[in-house]
Amino acid sequence: DLRYNKITTLDINLFNNLTALSNLYLDNNPLDCSTCELEKLKKLLRNLINSTASCDNTPLIDHIFTNCKGSISNAAYI
């Protein structure tokens, strides 16, 4: 449960060894939806049983990243 933190973006490589991960709650974090970093996270969230995260009041799994800035890197900002 990562709700109510100051997370702006996450590198999904942080979750590589968490094969049993089925729930990820990211509610009420200031996710930076203008960057491309979250596109990989969006794909990860689609594979989980329960997940919560939003960008601009839209569920992250429904957010469209066609106009995002920057490239997807391996950096994590927590």
PDB file of N, CA and C in Angstrom:
ATOM      1  N   ASP A   1       0.848  -1.172   0.000  1.00  0.00           N
ATOM      2  CA  ASP A   1       0.000   0.000   0.000  1.00  0.00           C
ATOM      3  C   ASP A   1       0.896   1.239   0.000  1.00  0.00           C
ATOM      4  N   LEU A   2       0.869   1.981  -1.086  1.00  0.00           N
ATOM      5  CA  LEU A   2       1.698   3.175  -1.229  1.00  0.00           C
ATOM      6  C   LEU A   2       0.846   4.441  -1.321  1.00  0.00           C
ATOM      7  N   ARG A   3      -0.348   4.387  -0.793  1.00  0.00           N
ATOM      8  CA  ARG A   3      -1.237   5.546  -0.828  1.00  0.00           C
ATOM      9  C   ARG A   3      -0.712   6.665   0.058  1.00  0.00           C
ATOM     10  N   TYR A   4      -1.078   7.895  -0.318  1.00  0.00           N
ATOM     11  CA  TYR A   4      -0.783   9.085   0.480  1.00  0.00           C
ATOM     12  C   TYR A   4       0.710   9.294   0.711  1.00  0.00           C
ATOM     13  N   ASN A   5       1.501   9.118  -0.328  1.00  0.00           N
ATOM     14  CA  ASN A   5       2.922   9.425  -0.279  1.00  0.00           C
ATOM     15  C   ASN A   5       3.182  10.551  -1.261  1.00  0.00           C
ATOM     16  N   LYS A   6       4.411  10.846  -1.521  1.00  0.00           N
ATOM     17  CA  LYS A   6       4.745  11.917  -2.463  1.00  0.00           C
ATOM     18  C   LYS A   6       5.356  11.333  -3.727  1.00  0.00           C
ATOM     19  N   ILE A   7       4.823  10.220  -4.181  1.00  0.00           N
ATOM     20  CA  ILE A   7       5.351   9.527  -5.351  1.00  0.00           C
ATOM     21  C   ILE A   7       4.900  10.259  -6.609  1.00  0.00           C
ATOM     22  N   THR A   8       5.871  10.612  -7.461  1.00  0.00           N
ATOM     23  CA  THR A   8       5.540  11.258  -8.729  1.00  0.00           C
ATOM     24  C   THR A   8       5.651  10.290  -9.891  1.00  0.00           C
ATOM     25  N   THR A   9       6.533   9.314  -9.786  1.00  0.00           N
ATOM     26  CA  THR A   9       6.669   8.283 -10.806  1.00  0.00           C
ATOM     27  C   THR A   9       7.390   7.085 -10.199  1.00  0.00           C
ATOM     28  N   LEU A  10       7.267   5.952 -10.829  1.00  0.00           N
ATOM     29  CA  LEU A  10       7.910   4.728 -10.352  1.00  0.00           C
ATOM     30  C   LEU A  10       8.527   3.988 -11.520  1.00  0.00           C
ATOM     31  N   ASP A  11       9.649   3.372 -11.271  1.00  0.00           N
ATOM     32  CA  ASP A  11      10.265   2.486 -12.254  1.00  0.00           C
ATOM     33  C   ASP A  11       9.717   1.089 -11.987  1.00  0.00           C
ATOM     34  N   ILE A  12       9.063   0.490 -12.960  1.00  0.00           N
ATOM     35  CA  ILE A  12       8.449  -0.812 -12.714  1.00  0.00           C
ATOM     36  C   ILE A  12       9.472  -1.903 -12.468  1.00  0.00           C
ATOM     37  N   ASN A  13      10.735  -1.648 -12.771  1.00  0.00           N
ATOM     38  CA  ASN A  13      11.768  -2.641 -12.468  1.00  0.00           C
ATOM     39  C   ASN A  13      11.857  -2.908 -10.969  1.00  0.00           C
ATOM     40  N   LEU A  14      11.349  -1.990 -10.171  1.00  0.00           N
ATOM     41  CA  LEU A  14      11.304  -2.207  -8.724  1.00  0.00           C
ATOM     42  C   LEU A  14      10.446  -3.414  -8.366  1.00  0.00           C
ATOM     43  N   PHE A  15       9.544  -3.792  -9.258  1.00  0.00           N
ATOM     44  CA  PHE A  15       8.603  -4.871  -8.999  1.00  0.00           C
ATOM     45  C   PHE A  15       8.996  -6.184  -9.665  1.00  0.00           C
ATOM     46  N   ASN A  16      10.152  -6.233 -10.326  1.00  0.00           N
ATOM     47  CA  ASN A  16      10.556  -7.422 -11.084  1.00  0.00           C
ATOM     48  C   ASN A  16      10.554  -8.709 -10.270  1.00  0.00           C
ATOM     49  N   ASN A  17      11.018  -8.677  -9.056  1.00  0.00           N
ATOM     50  CA  ASN A  17      11.124  -9.889  -8.244  1.00  0.00           C
ATOM     51  C   ASN A  17       9.899 -10.135  -7.372  1.00  0.00           C
ATOM     52  N   LEU A  18       8.887  -9.319  -7.532  1.00  0.00           N
ATOM     53  CA  LEU A  18       7.665  -9.473  -6.739  1.00  0.00           C
ATOM     54  C   LEU A  18       6.628 -10.223  -7.559  1.00  0.00           C
ATOM     55  N   THR A  19       6.903 -11.475  -7.818  1.00  0.00           N
ATOM     56  CA  THR A  19       6.051 -12.270  -8.708  1.00  0.00           C
ATOM     57  C   THR A  19       4.656 -12.517  -8.140  1.00  0.00           C
ATOM     58  N   ALA A  20       4.499 -12.425  -6.839  1.00  0.00           N
ATOM     59  CA  ALA A  20       3.189 -12.649  -6.227  1.00  0.00           C
ATOM     60  C   ALA A  20       2.394 -11.350  -6.057  1.00  0.00           C
ATOM     61  N   LEU A  21       2.927 -10.240  -6.539  1.00  0.00           N
ATOM     62  CA  LEU A  21       2.233  -8.960  -6.410  1.00  0.00           C
ATOM     63  C   LEU A  21       0.903  -9.008  -7.156  1.00  0.00           C
ATOM     64  N   SER A  22      -0.177  -8.765  -6.444  1.00  0.00           N
ATOM     65  CA  SER A  22      -1.492  -8.756  -7.083  1.00  0.00           C
ATOM     66  C   SER A  22      -2.250  -7.466  -6.798  1.00  0.00           C
ATOM     67  N   ASN A  23      -1.801  -6.709  -5.805  1.00  0.00           N
ATOM     68  CA  ASN A  23      -2.456  -5.457  -5.430  1.00  0.00           C
ATOM     69  C   ASN A  23      -1.416  -4.353  -5.314  1.00  0.00           C
ATOM     70  N   LEU A  24      -1.731  -3.201  -5.864  1.00  0.00           N
ATOM     71  CA  LEU A  24      -0.848  -2.042  -5.746  1.00  0.00           C
ATOM     72  C   LEU A  24      -1.726  -0.807  -5.651  1.00  0.00           C
ATOM     73  N   TYR A  25      -1.665  -0.145  -4.520  1.00  0.00           N
ATOM     74  CA  TYR A  25      -2.506   1.019  -4.274  1.00  0.00           C
ATOM     75  C   TYR A  25      -1.642   2.271  -4.250  1.00  0.00           C
ATOM     76  N   LEU A  26      -1.902   3.167  -5.172  1.00  0.00           N
ATOM     77  CA  LEU A  26      -1.130   4.397  -5.311  1.00  0.00           C
ATOM     78  C   LEU A  26      -2.010   5.639  -5.196  1.00  0.00           C
ATOM     79  N   ASP A  27      -3.179   5.516  -4.621  1.00  0.00           N
ATOM     80  CA  ASP A  27      -4.104   6.644  -4.488  1.00  0.00           C
ATOM     81  C   ASP A  27      -3.431   7.824  -3.802  1.00  0.00           C
ATOM     82  N   ASN A  28      -3.876   9.009  -4.177  1.00  0.00           N
ATOM     83  CA  ASN A  28      -3.477  10.249  -3.515  1.00  0.00           C
ATOM     84  C   ASN A  28      -1.979  10.479  -3.502  1.00  0.00           C
ATOM     85  N   ASN A  29      -1.342  10.196  -4.617  1.00  0.00           N
ATOM     86  CA  ASN A  29       0.052  10.549  -4.853  1.00  0.00           C
ATOM     87  C   ASN A  29       0.083  11.552  -5.998  1.00  0.00           C
ATOM     88  N   PRO A  30       1.023  12.480  -5.984  1.00  0.00           N
ATOM     89  CA  PRO A  30       1.099  13.481  -7.059  1.00  0.00           C
ATOM     90  C   PRO A  30       1.813  12.927  -8.296  1.00  0.00           C
ATOM     91  N   LEU A  31       1.230  11.917  -8.931  1.00  0.00           N
ATOM     92  CA  LEU A  31       1.854  11.312 -10.102  1.00  0.00           C
ATOM     93  C   LEU A  31       2.017  12.347 -11.208  1.00  0.00           C
ATOM     94  N   ASP A  32       3.199  12.382 -11.813  1.00  0.00           N
ATOM     95  CA  ASP A  32       3.494  13.315 -12.903  1.00  0.00           C
ATOM     96  C   ASP A  32       3.049  12.686 -14.214  1.00  0.00           C
ATOM     97  N   CYS A  33       1.846  13.012 -14.619  1.00  0.00           N
ATOM     98  CA  CYS A  33       1.239  12.383 -15.796  1.00  0.00           C
ATOM     99  C   CYS A  33       1.723  12.981 -17.106  1.00  0.00           C
ATOM    100  N   SER A  34       2.578  13.998 -17.051  1.00  0.00           N
ATOM    101  CA  SER A  34       3.083  14.592 -18.284  1.00  0.00           C
ATOM    102  C   SER A  34       4.327  13.866 -18.792  1.00  0.00           C
ATOM    103  N   THR A  35       4.867  12.956 -17.995  1.00  0.00           N
ATOM    104  CA  THR A  35       6.064  12.224 -18.410  1.00  0.00           C
ATOM    105  C   THR A  35       5.697  10.844 -18.928  1.00  0.00           C
ATOM    106  N   CYS A  36       6.586  10.269 -19.695  1.00  0.00           N
ATOM    107  CA  CYS A  36       6.361   8.936 -20.263  1.00  0.00           C
ATOM    108  C   CYS A  36       6.693   7.825 -19.272  1.00  0.00           C
ATOM    109  N   GLU A  37       7.272   8.179 -18.151  1.00  0.00           N
ATOM    110  CA  GLU A  37       7.689   7.186 -17.164  1.00  0.00           C
ATOM    111  C   GLU A  37       6.537   6.288 -16.711  1.00  0.00           C
ATOM    112  N   LEU A  38       5.353   6.832 -16.635  1.00  0.00           N
ATOM    113  CA  LEU A  38       4.228   6.078 -16.087  1.00  0.00           C
ATOM    114  C   LEU A  38       3.595   5.111 -17.080  1.00  0.00           C
ATOM    115  N   GLU A  39       4.000   5.167 -18.332  1.00  0.00           N
ATOM    116  CA  GLU A  39       3.393   4.265 -19.312  1.00  0.00           C
ATOM    117  C   GLU A  39       3.695   2.802 -18.990  1.00  0.00           C
ATOM    118  N   LYS A  40       4.916   2.504 -18.559  1.00  0.00           N
ATOM    119  CA  LYS A  40       5.243   1.127 -18.164  1.00  0.00           C
ATOM    120  C   LYS A  40       4.458   0.723 -16.919  1.00  0.00           C
ATOM    121  N   LEU A  41       4.299   1.651 -16.004  1.00  0.00           N
ATOM    122  CA  LEU A  41       3.524   1.364 -14.797  1.00  0.00           C
ATOM    123  C   LEU A  41       2.078   1.056 -15.165  1.00  0.00           C
ATOM    124  N   LYS A  42       1.552   1.761 -16.126  1.00  0.00           N
ATOM    125  CA  LYS A  42       0.192   1.506 -16.606  1.00  0.00           C
ATOM    126  C   LYS A  42       0.051   0.060 -17.068  1.00  0.00           C
ATOM    127  N   LYS A  43       1.028  -0.427 -17.800  1.00  0.00           N
ATOM    128  CA  LYS A  43       0.992  -1.807 -18.288  1.00  0.00           C
ATOM    129  C   LYS A  43       1.053  -2.794 -17.130  1.00  0.00           C
ATOM    130  N   LEU A  44       1.877  -2.496 -16.133  1.00  0.00           N
ATOM    131  CA  LEU A  44       1.965  -3.359 -14.953  1.00  0.00           C
ATOM    132  C   LEU A  44       0.626  -3.403 -14.223  1.00  0.00           C
ATOM    133  N   LEU A  45       0.005  -2.254 -14.035  1.00  0.00           N
ATOM    134  CA  LEU A  45      -1.255  -2.189 -13.297  1.00  0.00           C
ATOM    135  C   LEU A  45      -2.356  -2.988 -13.975  1.00  0.00           C
ATOM    136  N   ARG A  46      -2.324  -3.048 -15.274  1.00  0.00           N
ATOM    137  CA  ARG A  46      -3.338  -3.822 -16.001  1.00  0.00           C
ATOM    138  C   ARG A  46      -3.254  -5.310 -15.684  1.00  0.00           C
ATOM    139  N   ASN A  47      -2.090  -5.785 -15.264  1.00  0.00           N
ATOM    140  CA  ASN A  47      -1.901  -7.203 -14.978  1.00  0.00           C
ATOM    141  C   ASN A  47      -2.177  -7.567 -13.523  1.00  0.00           C
ATOM    142  N   LEU A  48      -2.502  -6.597 -12.707  1.00  0.00           N
ATOM    143  CA  LEU A  48      -2.764  -6.859 -11.297  1.00  0.00           C
ATOM    144  C   LEU A  48      -4.255  -7.069 -11.062  1.00  0.00           C
ATOM    145  N   ILE A  49      -4.567  -7.755  -9.987  1.00  0.00           N
ATOM    146  CA  ILE A  49      -5.965  -7.989  -9.624  1.00  0.00           C
ATOM    147  C   ILE A  49      -6.611  -6.690  -9.151  1.00  0.00           C
ATOM    148  N   ASN A  50      -5.931  -5.972  -8.280  1.00  0.00           N
ATOM    149  CA  ASN A  50      -6.431  -4.710  -7.743  1.00  0.00           C
ATOM    150  C   ASN A  50      -5.342  -3.660  -7.839  1.00  0.00           C
ATOM    151  N   SER A  51      -5.684  -2.516  -8.375  1.00  0.00           N
ATOM    152  CA  SER A  51      -4.739  -1.412  -8.424  1.00  0.00           C
ATOM    153  C   SER A  51      -5.510  -0.110  -8.436  1.00  0.00           C
ATOM    154  N   THR A  52      -4.920   0.889  -7.838  1.00  0.00           N
ATOM    155  CA  THR A  52      -5.517   2.215  -7.857  1.00  0.00           C
ATOM    156  C   THR A  52      -4.425   3.236  -8.080  1.00  0.00           C
ATOM    157  N   ALA A  53      -4.605   4.046  -9.071  1.00  0.00           N
ATOM    158  CA  ALA A  53      -3.729   5.173  -9.378  1.00  0.00           C
ATOM    159  C   ALA A  53      -4.464   6.004 -10.404  1.00  0.00           C
ATOM    160  N   SER A  54      -4.269   7.309 -10.347  1.00  0.00           N
ATOM    161  CA  SER A  54      -4.955   8.148 -11.320  1.00  0.00           C
ATOM    162  C   SER A  54      -4.065   9.279 -11.793  1.00  0.00           C
ATOM    163  N   CYS A  55      -4.359   9.745 -12.996  1.00  0.00           N
ATOM    164  CA  CYS A  55      -3.691  10.883 -13.610  1.00  0.00           C
ATOM    165  C   CYS A  55      -4.772  11.853 -14.042  1.00  0.00           C
ATOM    166  N   ASP A  56      -4.699  13.057 -13.528  1.00  0.00           N
ATOM    167  CA  ASP A  56      -5.675  14.077 -13.906  1.00  0.00           C
ATOM    168  C   ASP A  56      -7.108  13.567 -13.742  1.00  0.00           C
ATOM    169  N   ASN A  57      -7.367  12.926 -12.629  1.00  0.00           N
ATOM    170  CA  ASN A  57      -8.692  12.385 -12.288  1.00  0.00           C
ATOM    171  C   ASN A  57      -9.178  11.282 -13.221  1.00  0.00           C
ATOM    172  N   THR A  58      -8.257  10.663 -13.949  1.00  0.00           N
ATOM    173  CA  THR A  58      -8.563   9.527 -14.817  1.00  0.00           C
ATOM    174  C   THR A  58      -7.771   8.340 -14.305  1.00  0.00           C
ATOM    175  N   PRO A  59      -8.368   7.160 -14.202  1.00  0.00           N
ATOM    176  CA  PRO A  59      -7.576   5.998 -13.785  1.00  0.00           C
ATOM    177  C   PRO A  59      -6.331   5.851 -14.669  1.00  0.00           C
ATOM    178  N   LEU A  60      -5.201   5.591 -14.051  1.00  0.00           N
ATOM    179  CA  LEU A  60      -3.948   5.490 -14.802  1.00  0.00           C
ATOM    180  C   LEU A  60      -4.048   4.469 -15.926  1.00  0.00           C
ATOM    181  N   ILE A  61      -4.759   3.385 -15.707  1.00  0.00           N
ATOM    182  CA  ILE A  61      -4.854   2.360 -16.753  1.00  0.00           C
ATOM    183  C   ILE A  61      -5.630   2.854 -17.967  1.00  0.00           C
ATOM    184  N   ASP A  62      -6.357   3.970 -17.836  1.00  0.00           N
ATOM    185  CA  ASP A  62      -7.088   4.555 -18.957  1.00  0.00           C
ATOM    186  C   ASP A  62      -6.409   5.799 -19.524  1.00  0.00           C
ATOM    187  N   HIS A  63      -5.331   6.259 -18.883  1.00  0.00           N
ATOM    188  CA  HIS A  63      -4.649   7.481 -19.308  1.00  0.00           C
ATOM    189  C   HIS A  63      -3.930   7.256 -20.636  1.00  0.00           C
ATOM    190  N   ILE A  64      -4.016   8.224 -21.523  1.00  0.00           N
ATOM    191  CA  ILE A  64      -3.363   8.143 -22.834  1.00  0.00           C
ATOM    192  C   ILE A  64      -2.064   8.936 -22.780  1.00  0.00           C
ATOM    193  N   PHE A  65      -0.963   8.296 -23.130  1.00  0.00           N
ATOM    194  CA  PHE A  65       0.353   8.904 -23.031  1.00  0.00           C
ATOM    195  C   PHE A  65       0.905   9.364 -24.377  1.00  0.00           C
ATOM    196  N   THR A  66       0.073   9.737 -25.324  1.00  0.00           N
ATOM    197  CA  THR A  66       0.559  10.127 -26.645  1.00  0.00           C
ATOM    198  C   THR A  66       1.323  11.443 -26.626  1.00  0.00           C
ATOM    199  N   ASN A  67       1.047  12.314 -25.688  1.00  0.00           N
ATOM    200  CA  ASN A  67       1.717  13.609 -25.630  1.00  0.00           C
ATOM    201  C   ASN A  67       2.663  13.723 -24.445  1.00  0.00           C
ATOM    202  N   CYS A  68       3.169  12.614 -23.970  1.00  0.00           N
ATOM    203  CA  CYS A  68       4.035  12.659 -22.798  1.00  0.00           C
ATOM    204  C   CYS A  68       5.398  13.234 -23.165  1.00  0.00           C
ATOM    205  N   LYS A  69       6.101  13.708 -22.160  1.00  0.00           N
ATOM    206  CA  LYS A  69       7.406  14.336 -22.343  1.00  0.00           C
ATOM    207  C   LYS A  69       8.496  13.413 -21.843  1.00  0.00           C
ATOM    208  N   GLY A  70       9.612  13.391 -22.532  1.00  0.00           N
ATOM    209  CA  GLY A  70      10.753  12.596 -22.105  1.00  0.00           C
ATOM    210  C   GLY A  70      10.623  11.158 -22.541  1.00  0.00           C
ATOM    211  N   SER A  71      11.636  10.400 -22.232  1.00  0.00           N
ATOM    212  CA  SER A  71      11.627   8.988 -22.591  1.00  0.00           C
ATOM    213  C   SER A  71      11.483   8.151 -21.342  1.00  0.00           C
ATOM    214  N   ILE A  72      11.144   6.922 -21.533  1.00  0.00           N
ATOM    215  CA  ILE A  72      11.027   6.003 -20.410  1.00  0.00           C
ATOM    216  C   ILE A  72      12.427   5.571 -20.021  1.00  0.00           C
ATOM    217  N   SER A  73      12.791   5.818 -18.783  1.00  0.00           N
ATOM    218  CA  SER A  73      14.129   5.468 -18.312  1.00  0.00           C
ATOM    219  C   SER A  73      14.024   4.443 -17.205  1.00  0.00           C
ATOM    220  N   ASN A  74      15.135   4.103 -16.629  1.00  0.00           N
ATOM    221  CA  ASN A  74      15.153   3.156 -15.523  1.00  0.00           C
ATOM    222  C   ASN A  74      15.202   3.856 -14.175  1.00  0.00           C
ATOM    223  N   ALA A  75      15.027   5.159 -14.154  1.00  0.00           N
ATOM    224  CA  ALA A  75      15.096   5.909 -12.908  1.00  0.00           C
ATOM    225  C   ALA A  75      13.791   5.781 -12.137  1.00  0.00           C
ATOM    226  N   ALA A  76      13.899   5.827 -10.836  1.00  0.00           N
ATOM    227  CA  ALA A  76      12.713   5.812  -9.982  1.00  0.00           C
ATOM    228  C   ALA A  76      12.737   7.058  -9.122  1.00  0.00           C
ATOM    229  N   TYR A  77      11.625   7.709  -8.997  1.00  0.00           N
ATOM    230  CA  TYR A  77      11.516   8.907  -8.183  1.00  0.00           C
ATOM    231  C   TYR A  77      10.450   8.656  -7.146  1.00  0.00           C
ATOM    232  N   ILE A  78      10.901   8.506  -5.928  1.00  0.00           N
ATOM    233  CA  ILE A  78       9.952   8.262  -4.843  1.00  0.00           C
ATOM    234  C   ILE A  78      10.167   9.321  -3.785  1.00  0.00           C
TER     235      ILE A  78
END
